[in-house]
Amino acid sequence: MHVAIVYDGVIPVKKYGGTARDIWYLGNELHKRGHQVTYLVAPGSYCPFAEVVHVDSTDNINEKIPESTDIVNCHQDVNEVLNKPVLFSIHGNTNNPVKEFPLNSVFVSHNHASRFGSDAFVYNGMDWDQYPKPDFSRKRSGYHFLGKAAWKVKNLKAAMAIARRNNKKLEVLGGYRFNFKMGMRFTFDPRIHFHGMVGDEQKARVMNQSEALLFPVLWHEPMGLAVIESLYYGCPVFATPYGSLPELVGQDYGFLSASLGELTKAANNAGNYDAKKCHEYARDNFNAARMADKYLMYFEKILNGENINNEKPRLQKKQEQKYLDFYW
C-alpha cells in the first residue's frame, strides 16, 4: 500500500510537537511493514525512510500527491476535495458546533471522538525504541509539568500550587520563568525550575528523577502525549478528570480530581505507585505498532468503499465556560 501523509508542519521534530511525532512514528511503522510512505509536509522537512514532498500554503495538494498513492492520511484541514481516498485524523478541539468534519475522520481518544458524535479513534502511539530508556534505580524527588505552559488551559498555576503545598520542587518542561503571554508573569520561587522547550534527552533526564507528572488541565484533553511519556518513565499522573484522562489514567497509574486539595494530598503519596507498572502500561498500550494496526484497519475500510462514520462528525455540545472547573 502507498500511503501519503499530509501535515502542514516540519518533520522530524526535536522538541515540542505532538502531531509531528505521531505521523513520524506512524510512517516509520508502516515502512517497516513494507508499505510505501510519502510525506507531504512543510519545507525544511526530511526523512530517511520515506519520500518527502514539500508543500506550502499556496500549493494545490492534489497536484503534489504521487499518482501511485492508494490512500491519503490527512492531519490538517484542506480547502480542496482530494482526488484520492482519504482518512482525516483530527487532533485538536473546536468549540464550533456548526463545523462538520468529513465522514472519514478519526479522533485521538474515545472521549475526543464521542464529543463529536463519533466512535472512531486511534490513540497516539510512540516508537519507544527511539526514546532514552527509563531508569528505575535512581532516587526520585519532586514533580514535573510537561506542556505549553503559556496556555492557560494547561493550568501551570495549579501545578505550582500543588508542589508548594507539598514542599516539593517542580521541573517545568515547556515553559519559561519570564512569560509575556500571561501578562508579564515572573515566577520567583527557586523550587520551580523552568527548562523551556526541551528535546527527548533532557525530558528523559528530568522524568527519570521525577516522582510524578502534575497535569491539572482546564480543557478536555484530546489525548495527552505528556501523560503517556511520563508513564513510560515510571511517573504516575495527577490530573483533572477531563477529556481523555479517565481513559489513560487508571487507579494504578495516578489520581484524577478537579480539587486542588485532593490532588495535593494524592500527589504527596506519589511514591506509593509502582514505577515499573506505569512504564509497562504505557509501553504496551500506547506504541507505534498498535497505532499502525488501527490505522491500517481504517485504511482498508475506506479502500473497500466503506465510510468510517455514518454522519459527518461535529461538536455535540458547545462549551459555554472558557475554562473547565477547578476548585481551589
Foldseek 3Di string as FASTA:
>chain_A
DEEEEEDAAAPDDFFDDQVNQLVLLLQVLCLVVPYAYEYAYDPPHDDDRHHYHHDHPVDDVQVGDDPPHAEYEYADDDDDDHPHHYAYEDEDDDLDQVDFADLRYEYAACLLQVQQVARHHFHRAGACVPFDAADPPDAAFAAEEADQPLDCQQPVVLVVVLCVVLVGAYEYANDDQQDVSVPRHHDDDPSYHYDHTHGRVVVRVNLSRHLAYEGAGFAQRRHCPVQLVSLLNLHAYEYAPHHCVVVRHDPLRYDHHLESVVSSVRSSVSVVHGSVVSNVSSNVPRHSVRSNVSVVVSSVCVSVVHGNHPDGTGRPDRDPDPTHHHHD
